[in-house]
Amino acid sequence: MSTHVPSTQAKSRGSFYTWVAASAFLVVFVGFARTYYLSFLFDAPALSWLLKLHGALMTSWFVLFFVQVRLVAAHRTDLHRRLGVFGAALAALMVIVGVTVAWRAAARHIHAPRTGGPHPLQFMGFVLFVLLVFAILVGAALLLRHRRDYHKRLMLLSCLSMVGPGLFRIPFNRIPALAFLKSGGPFGLFGLDLLLVYACIAYDTWRNRRLHPALVCGALLIALEDLPFLWMFLSSPTWTRFATWLVS
């Protein structure tokens, strides 16, 4: 009995992290299905090699997290640590390519006719901030890799921090019951964007009978992506002037 309980608890924790990672990726998959994952079904325009690389890197992060979780559940921490080196390099490449994609997209669409949604300069700023949050979470997780309780929670949050861009691309307006989310613009998606984060905090706190500091700090950081003041700043003349200079 003394050995069975810890094993059962470890398996449950592994399943929890696996399901959260899968749920986060599902949101991203649905959001980018028409333009990337299932583009061949929707007759979508061909993507540049940079966008294909960007999509492949983002997908690889979710796959890697899934593999890492299963390795820990299987007590293969040796392979987990080896893959961690690849994960650090992958995260750095994701940020570099992501910044490049956001910058080029804004430069390409800044003078294009508006078809709804955020202005290209605003969306570039949002993506850059998401990448900053992701980099901070991954960097903190790597620095605290010897503190397993901090490391695993921060890495989990790194996946959840990447949900926003995919969520904004889901066509909620085509579902009558959910059309209000899209009609409200970015603000209508705030609660949905953070739903997975809050669910993780609630479950982890219930299971461990304590609110872990890593989840508190990480969730506050992710919440900054959704606070109105961020979009107020991205709509300000200060950001507009700076972003225009950046893409010119």
Foldseek 3Di string as FASTA:
>chain_A
DVVVVVLVVLVVVLVVLLVLLVVLVVLLCLLCVCPAVVVVVNVHDDDDPLVNVLVVLLVVLSVLSNVLSVCVSVVVVVVSVVVVVVNVVSLVVNLVSQLVVLLVQLLVCQPPDDPDADHSLLVSLLSNLLSVLLVVLQVVLVVVVVVVVLNNLSSSLSSLSPSVVSNLRNPLCVPVVRVVLPVVHLLSCLCVSCVSLVVVQVVVCVVVVHRDPSSVVSSVSSSVSRDVVSSVVSPDPVSVVVSVVSND
